Amino acid sequence: MGYFKDAKKGDKVYGLNFGKGKISEYYEDSHYTIMVTFSNGYEVPYTIDGVPGWGNFSKQTCFYRKDVDLTKIDFSPVEKILSDKKIIKLREKNMLEVRVPSGAWMNAKKCSEDYLEEIFQNENYHLFRKKQKK
C-alpha cells in the first residue's frame, strides 16, 4: 500500500528537502520504514509513504530518483535580499519562503525551527524570500 513497501537498502532516492540520497536502512516494524542518507551527510527517517521525520510535513517529500520530475519545482535564485526585520515580519504573516538544502523554495512554516534559526543567526538572508504568487 505504501510507496516504499518494496524499498531496499541502496535504492537511489530524491528528497525535496535535501536532494539526492540513498536508502541506508530499511525497518520492518517501525513508524519510520526507511532511513535515507543524503549526499550532504544528513540522515532522515521516512515513513512508508515518504513523509519525513524532519520538519512539519504531512505530504510525501521523498521519491525514487527515477520517478522525480523536477520541472515544476522552483529553484530560481533570490531576486532581492531581505533585511532581518523584513524576514521576521514576513514570518509572522506566514509570507516567508526559505531555500532548503536541495535548492528548492518552500514555506518557512514547514521547515525545522533549528534550520531556520541556524541560517538566520548566520545571517544567510539570501536563503529567504517573500512568498511568490502562483
N, C-alpha and C. Protein backbone atom coordinates (compact mmCIF):
# COMPACT_ATOMS: atom_id res chain seq x y z
N MET A 1 0.81 -1.19 0.00
CA MET A 1 0.00 0.00 0.00
C MET A 1 0.85 1.25 0.00
N GLY A 2 2.02 1.25 0.66
CA GLY A 2 2.88 2.42 0.73
C GLY A 2 3.85 2.51 -0.43
N TYR A 3 4.30 3.70 -0.68
CA TYR A 3 5.21 3.97 -1.79
C TYR A 3 6.52 3.20 -1.65
N PHE A 4 7.05 3.10 -0.44
CA PHE A 4 8.33 2.44 -0.20
C PHE A 4 8.19 1.01 0.33
N LYS A 5 7.08 0.34 0.04
CA LYS A 5 6.89 -1.01 0.58
C LYS A 5 7.90 -2.01 0.03
N ASP A 6 8.43 -1.79 -1.17
CA ASP A 6 9.41 -2.70 -1.77
C ASP A 6 10.82 -2.09 -1.76
N ALA A 7 11.05 -1.13 -0.90
CA ALA A 7 12.36 -0.45 -0.85
C ALA A 7 13.44 -1.41 -0.36
N LYS A 8 14.63 -1.18 -0.89
CA LYS A 8 15.79 -1.98 -0.49
C LYS A 8 16.93 -1.04 -0.12
N LYS A 9 17.79 -1.52 0.74
CA LYS A 9 18.98 -0.76 1.11
C LYS A 9 19.79 -0.49 -0.16
N GLY A 10 20.19 0.76 -0.37
CA GLY A 10 20.98 1.13 -1.53
C GLY A 10 20.17 1.75 -2.66
N ASP A 11 18.83 1.71 -2.59
CA ASP A 11 18.00 2.33 -3.62
C ASP A 11 18.26 3.84 -3.66
N LYS A 12 18.32 4.39 -4.87
CA LYS A 12 18.55 5.82 -5.03
C LYS A 12 17.23 6.56 -4.93
N VAL A 13 17.25 7.64 -4.12
CA VAL A 13 16.05 8.44 -3.90
C VAL A 13 16.38 9.92 -4.06
N TYR A 14 15.32 10.73 -4.11
CA TYR A 14 15.47 12.18 -4.16
C TYR A 14 14.50 12.78 -3.15
N GLY A 15 15.04 13.54 -2.21
CA GLY A 15 14.22 14.23 -1.23
C GLY A 15 14.08 15.69 -1.62
N LEU A 16 12.87 16.21 -1.55
CA LEU A 16 12.64 17.60 -1.93
C LEU A 16 13.39 18.57 -1.01
N ASN A 17 13.72 18.14 0.20
CA ASN A 17 14.43 19.00 1.14
C ASN A 17 15.94 18.94 0.96
N PHE A 18 16.50 17.75 0.76
CA PHE A 18 17.96 17.60 0.78
C PHE A 18 18.55 17.09 -0.54
N GLY A 19 17.75 16.82 -1.54
CA GLY A 19 18.28 16.41 -2.84
C GLY A 19 18.54 14.91 -2.94
N LYS A 20 19.66 14.54 -3.61
CA LYS A 20 20.00 13.15 -3.87
C LYS A 20 20.35 12.41 -2.60
N GLY A 21 19.93 11.14 -2.57
CA GLY A 21 20.26 10.30 -1.42
C GLY A 21 20.10 8.83 -1.74
N LYS A 22 20.45 8.00 -0.77
CA LYS A 22 20.31 6.55 -0.88
C LYS A 22 19.66 6.02 0.39
N ILE A 23 18.90 4.96 0.24
CA ILE A 23 18.31 4.31 1.40
C ILE A 23 19.43 3.57 2.12
N SER A 24 19.67 3.94 3.38
CA SER A 24 20.76 3.32 4.14
C SER A 24 20.25 2.23 5.08
N GLU A 25 18.98 2.27 5.45
CA GLU A 25 18.39 1.26 6.33
C GLU A 25 16.94 1.05 5.95
N TYR A 26 16.44 -0.17 6.15
CA TYR A 26 15.03 -0.48 5.97
C TYR A 26 14.54 -1.18 7.22
N TYR A 27 13.48 -0.66 7.82
CA TYR A 27 12.96 -1.20 9.07
C TYR A 27 11.60 -1.84 8.81
N GLU A 28 11.40 -3.06 9.31
CA GLU A 28 10.15 -3.78 9.11
C GLU A 28 9.03 -3.26 10.00
N ASP A 29 9.24 -3.24 11.30
CA ASP A 29 8.18 -2.93 12.26
C ASP A 29 8.46 -1.63 13.00
N SER A 30 8.33 -0.52 12.28
CA SER A 30 8.59 0.78 12.88
C SER A 30 7.72 1.81 12.18
N HIS A 31 7.47 2.93 12.85
CA HIS A 31 6.71 4.02 12.23
C HIS A 31 7.48 4.56 11.01
N TYR A 32 8.78 4.71 11.18
CA TYR A 32 9.62 5.13 10.06
C TYR A 32 10.21 3.88 9.40
N THR A 33 9.90 3.70 8.13
CA THR A 33 10.26 2.48 7.41
C THR A 33 11.67 2.52 6.86
N ILE A 34 12.10 3.69 6.38
CA ILE A 34 13.43 3.79 5.77
C ILE A 34 14.23 4.92 6.39
N MET A 35 15.54 4.77 6.33
CA MET A 35 16.47 5.84 6.72
C MET A 35 17.22 6.20 5.45
N VAL A 36 17.21 7.47 5.09
CA VAL A 36 17.87 7.94 3.88
C VAL A 36 19.08 8.77 4.27
N THR A 37 20.22 8.47 3.64
CA THR A 37 21.43 9.26 3.82
C THR A 37 21.61 10.08 2.55
N PHE A 38 21.63 11.40 2.71
CA PHE A 38 21.73 12.30 1.56
C PHE A 38 23.19 12.63 1.26
N SER A 39 23.43 13.14 0.07
CA SER A 39 24.80 13.42 -0.37
C SER A 39 25.49 14.49 0.48
N ASN A 40 24.71 15.32 1.19
CA ASN A 40 25.31 16.33 2.06
C ASN A 40 25.54 15.81 3.48
N GLY A 41 25.28 14.51 3.71
CA GLY A 41 25.56 13.90 5.00
C GLY A 41 24.37 13.78 5.94
N TYR A 42 23.25 14.45 5.65
CA TYR A 42 22.08 14.35 6.50
C TYR A 42 21.49 12.96 6.44
N GLU A 43 20.99 12.49 7.57
CA GLU A 43 20.24 11.23 7.64
C GLU A 43 18.85 11.56 8.15
N VAL A 44 17.83 11.12 7.39
CA VAL A 44 16.46 11.44 7.74
C VAL A 44 15.61 10.17 7.66
N PRO A 45 14.81 9.89 8.70
CA PRO A 45 13.89 8.75 8.61
C PRO A 45 12.62 9.15 7.85
N TYR A 46 12.05 8.20 7.11
CA TYR A 46 10.82 8.43 6.35
C TYR A 46 9.84 7.30 6.62
N THR A 47 8.56 7.63 6.56
CA THR A 47 7.52 6.61 6.68
C THR A 47 7.44 5.83 5.38
N ILE A 48 6.62 4.81 5.35
CA ILE A 48 6.45 4.00 4.15
C ILE A 48 5.87 4.82 2.99
N ASP A 49 5.22 5.95 3.32
CA ASP A 49 4.64 6.83 2.32
C ASP A 49 5.57 7.98 1.91
N GLY A 50 6.78 8.04 2.46
CA GLY A 50 7.74 9.07 2.08
C GLY A 50 7.61 10.37 2.85
N VAL A 51 6.92 10.35 3.98
CA VAL A 51 6.79 11.54 4.83
C VAL A 51 7.96 11.56 5.80
N PRO A 52 8.71 12.67 5.88
CA PRO A 52 9.93 12.70 6.70
C PRO A 52 9.66 12.90 8.18
N GLY A 53 10.65 12.53 8.96
CA GLY A 53 10.64 12.79 10.39
C GLY A 53 11.34 14.11 10.68
N TRP A 54 11.43 14.98 9.71
CA TRP A 54 12.12 16.26 9.82
C TRP A 54 11.13 17.34 9.42
N GLY A 55 10.96 18.34 10.21
CA GLY A 55 10.08 19.44 9.86
C GLY A 55 8.63 19.13 10.17
N ASN A 56 7.74 19.89 9.57
CA ASN A 56 6.32 19.79 9.84
C ASN A 56 5.60 19.42 8.54
N PHE A 57 5.83 18.20 8.06
CA PHE A 57 5.29 17.78 6.77
C PHE A 57 4.17 16.77 6.95
N SER A 58 3.17 16.87 6.12
CA SER A 58 2.09 15.88 6.12
C SER A 58 1.98 15.21 4.76
N LYS A 59 2.86 15.59 3.84
CA LYS A 59 2.84 15.03 2.48
C LYS A 59 4.19 14.40 2.16
N GLN A 60 4.18 13.58 1.17
CA GLN A 60 5.39 12.89 0.73
C GLN A 60 6.42 13.88 0.20
N THR A 61 7.67 13.73 0.66
CA THR A 61 8.75 14.58 0.17
C THR A 61 9.94 13.77 -0.33
N CYS A 62 9.86 12.44 -0.27
CA CYS A 62 10.94 11.58 -0.75
C CYS A 62 10.40 10.63 -1.81
N PHE A 63 11.13 10.51 -2.91
CA PHE A 63 10.69 9.71 -4.03
C PHE A 63 11.87 8.91 -4.57
N TYR A 64 11.58 7.83 -5.29
CA TYR A 64 12.63 7.15 -6.04
C TYR A 64 13.13 8.12 -7.10
N ARG A 65 14.42 8.14 -7.34
CA ARG A 65 15.00 9.10 -8.27
C ARG A 65 14.41 8.97 -9.67
N LYS A 66 14.11 7.75 -10.09
CA LYS A 66 13.58 7.53 -11.43
C LYS A 66 12.17 8.11 -11.59
N ASP A 67 11.47 8.37 -10.48
CA ASP A 67 10.11 8.88 -10.51
C ASP A 67 10.02 10.40 -10.43
N VAL A 68 11.14 11.07 -10.26
CA VAL A 68 11.14 12.51 -9.99
C VAL A 68 11.21 13.32 -11.28
N ASP A 69 10.30 14.29 -11.38
CA ASP A 69 10.31 15.27 -12.46
C ASP A 69 10.45 16.64 -11.80
N LEU A 70 11.62 17.24 -11.92
CA LEU A 70 11.90 18.49 -11.21
C LEU A 70 11.47 19.74 -11.97
N THR A 71 10.76 19.60 -13.07
CA THR A 71 10.41 20.77 -13.87
C THR A 71 9.42 21.70 -13.18
N LYS A 72 8.62 21.20 -12.24
CA LYS A 72 7.62 22.05 -11.58
C LYS A 72 8.10 22.62 -10.24
N ILE A 73 9.31 22.28 -9.83
CA ILE A 73 9.83 22.77 -8.55
C ILE A 73 10.61 24.06 -8.78
N ASP A 74 10.39 25.04 -7.93
CA ASP A 74 11.01 26.35 -8.06
C ASP A 74 12.43 26.34 -7.47
N PHE A 75 13.43 26.44 -8.35
CA PHE A 75 14.83 26.52 -7.96
C PHE A 75 15.41 27.89 -8.30
N SER A 76 14.57 28.86 -8.60
CA SER A 76 15.04 30.16 -9.07
C SER A 76 15.88 30.88 -8.01
N PRO A 77 16.80 31.73 -8.46
CA PRO A 77 17.62 32.48 -7.50
C PRO A 77 16.79 33.57 -6.81
N VAL A 78 17.27 34.00 -5.68
CA VAL A 78 16.60 35.07 -4.95
C VAL A 78 16.81 36.37 -5.74
N GLU A 79 15.76 37.19 -5.83
CA GLU A 79 15.84 38.43 -6.59
C GLU A 79 16.24 39.61 -5.70
N LYS A 80 15.80 39.58 -4.45
CA LYS A 80 16.09 40.68 -3.54
C LYS A 80 16.41 40.10 -2.17
N ILE A 81 17.54 40.49 -1.60
CA ILE A 81 17.93 40.02 -0.27
C ILE A 81 17.17 40.84 0.76
N LEU A 82 16.47 40.15 1.65
CA LEU A 82 15.64 40.80 2.66
C LEU A 82 16.46 41.19 3.89
N SER A 83 16.00 42.20 4.58
CA SER A 83 16.63 42.59 5.85
C SER A 83 16.13 41.65 6.95
N ASP A 84 16.83 41.65 8.08
CA ASP A 84 16.41 40.79 9.18
C ASP A 84 15.03 41.17 9.70
N LYS A 85 14.72 42.45 9.74
CA LYS A 85 13.40 42.90 10.20
C LYS A 85 12.30 42.45 9.25
N LYS A 86 12.56 42.52 7.96
CA LYS A 86 11.58 42.11 6.96
C LYS A 86 11.34 40.59 7.04
N ILE A 87 12.39 39.82 7.29
CA ILE A 87 12.26 38.36 7.41
C ILE A 87 11.35 38.02 8.59
N ILE A 88 11.56 38.69 9.72
CA ILE A 88 10.74 38.45 10.91
C ILE A 88 9.28 38.82 10.65
N LYS A 89 9.07 39.96 10.01
CA LYS A 89 7.71 40.42 9.71
C LYS A 89 7.00 39.45 8.77
N LEU A 90 7.69 39.00 7.71
CA LEU A 90 7.08 38.06 6.76
C LEU A 90 6.79 36.71 7.42
N ARG A 91 7.65 36.29 8.31
CA ARG A 91 7.43 35.01 9.01
C ARG A 91 6.19 35.09 9.89
N GLU A 92 5.99 36.21 10.57
CA GLU A 92 4.81 36.39 11.40
C GLU A 92 3.52 36.38 10.58
N LYS A 93 3.59 36.85 9.34
CA LYS A 93 2.43 36.90 8.46
C LYS A 93 2.27 35.64 7.60
N ASN A 94 3.14 34.64 7.82
CA ASN A 94 3.15 33.40 7.04
C ASN A 94 3.36 33.69 5.55
N MET A 95 4.21 34.64 5.25
CA MET A 95 4.50 35.02 3.87
C MET A 95 5.98 34.80 3.54
N LEU A 96 6.66 33.97 4.32
CA LEU A 96 8.09 33.76 4.15
C LEU A 96 8.37 32.39 3.55
N GLU A 97 9.26 32.36 2.57
CA GLU A 97 9.75 31.12 1.99
C GLU A 97 11.23 31.01 2.29
N VAL A 98 11.70 29.77 2.39
CA VAL A 98 13.10 29.52 2.69
C VAL A 98 13.64 28.53 1.66
N ARG A 99 14.90 28.70 1.32
CA ARG A 99 15.56 27.77 0.41
C ARG A 99 16.14 26.63 1.23
N VAL A 100 15.67 25.41 0.97
CA VAL A 100 16.15 24.23 1.68
C VAL A 100 17.43 23.74 1.01
N PRO A 101 18.19 22.87 1.66
CA PRO A 101 19.48 22.44 1.10
C PRO A 101 19.44 21.84 -0.31
N SER A 102 18.29 21.32 -0.76
CA SER A 102 18.20 20.80 -2.12
C SER A 102 18.17 21.92 -3.15
N GLY A 103 17.92 23.15 -2.72
CA GLY A 103 17.85 24.29 -3.63
C GLY A 103 16.42 24.72 -3.94
N ALA A 104 15.45 23.96 -3.48
CA ALA A 104 14.04 24.29 -3.72
C ALA A 104 13.55 25.28 -2.68
N TRP A 105 12.53 26.07 -3.07
CA TRP A 105 11.92 27.02 -2.16
C TRP A 105 10.69 26.38 -1.53
N MET A 106 10.49 26.59 -0.23
CA MET A 106 9.31 26.08 0.45
C MET A 106 8.87 27.04 1.55
N ASN A 107 7.64 26.88 1.99
CA ASN A 107 7.08 27.70 3.04
C ASN A 107 7.89 27.51 4.32
N ALA A 108 8.23 28.59 4.97
CA ALA A 108 9.06 28.53 6.18
C ALA A 108 8.34 27.81 7.32
N LYS A 109 7.02 27.79 7.32
CA LYS A 109 6.27 27.09 8.37
C LYS A 109 6.54 25.59 8.36
N LYS A 110 6.90 25.04 7.20
CA LYS A 110 7.12 23.60 7.08
C LYS A 110 8.55 23.19 7.43
N CYS A 111 9.42 24.14 7.62
CA CYS A 111 10.82 23.83 7.92
C CYS A 111 11.05 23.69 9.42
N SER A 112 12.10 23.00 9.73
CA SER A 112 12.50 22.82 11.12
C SER A 112 12.90 24.17 11.71
N GLU A 113 12.49 24.39 12.96
CA GLU A 113 12.85 25.62 13.66
C GLU A 113 14.37 25.76 13.77
N ASP A 114 15.06 24.63 13.99
CA ASP A 114 16.52 24.64 14.12
C ASP A 114 17.17 25.14 12.83
N TYR A 115 16.67 24.65 11.69
CA TYR A 115 17.23 25.06 10.39
C TYR A 115 17.02 26.55 10.17
N LEU A 116 15.81 27.04 10.44
CA LEU A 116 15.52 28.47 10.26
C LEU A 116 16.39 29.33 11.17
N GLU A 117 16.49 28.95 12.42
CA GLU A 117 17.30 29.72 13.37
C GLU A 117 18.78 29.74 12.98
N GLU A 118 19.27 28.59 12.53
CA GLU A 118 20.68 28.50 12.15
C GLU A 118 21.02 29.43 10.99
N ILE A 119 20.20 29.41 9.94
CA ILE A 119 20.53 30.27 8.79
C ILE A 119 20.27 31.74 9.10
N PHE A 120 19.30 32.01 9.98
CA PHE A 120 19.05 33.39 10.38
C PHE A 120 20.19 33.92 11.24
N GLN A 121 20.64 33.13 12.21
CA GLN A 121 21.73 33.55 13.10
C GLN A 121 23.05 33.73 12.34
N ASN A 122 23.24 32.93 11.28
CA ASN A 122 24.46 33.04 10.47
C ASN A 122 24.33 34.13 9.40
N GLU A 123 23.22 34.88 9.45
CA GLU A 123 22.95 35.99 8.53
C GLU A 123 22.96 35.56 7.07
N ASN A 124 22.44 34.36 6.80
CA ASN A 124 22.28 33.88 5.42
C ASN A 124 20.93 34.35 4.89
N TYR A 125 20.76 35.66 4.81
CA TYR A 125 19.49 36.25 4.42
C TYR A 125 19.13 35.96 2.97
N HIS A 126 20.11 35.56 2.17
CA HIS A 126 19.84 35.22 0.77
C HIS A 126 19.05 33.91 0.64
N LEU A 127 18.86 33.20 1.76
CA LEU A 127 18.09 31.96 1.74
C LEU A 127 16.62 32.18 2.11
N PHE A 128 16.22 33.44 2.20
CA PHE A 128 14.83 33.79 2.49
C PHE A 128 14.29 34.66 1.37
N ARG A 129 12.98 34.55 1.15
CA ARG A 129 12.30 35.45 0.21
C ARG A 129 10.83 35.55 0.56
N LYS A 130 10.20 36.59 0.02
CA LYS A 130 8.76 36.77 0.21
C LYS A 130 8.04 35.71 -0.63
N LYS A 131 6.95 35.18 -0.08
CA LYS A 131 6.18 34.14 -0.76
C LYS A 131 5.77 34.59 -2.15
N GLN A 132 6.02 33.73 -3.13
CA GLN A 132 5.73 34.05 -4.52
C GLN A 132 4.27 33.75 -4.84
N LYS A 133 3.65 34.58 -5.67
CA LYS A 133 2.27 34.34 -6.12
C LYS A 133 2.30 33.35 -7.26
N LYS A 134 1.37 32.42 -7.22
CA LYS A 134 1.35 31.37 -8.25
C LYS A 134 0.38 31.66 -9.34
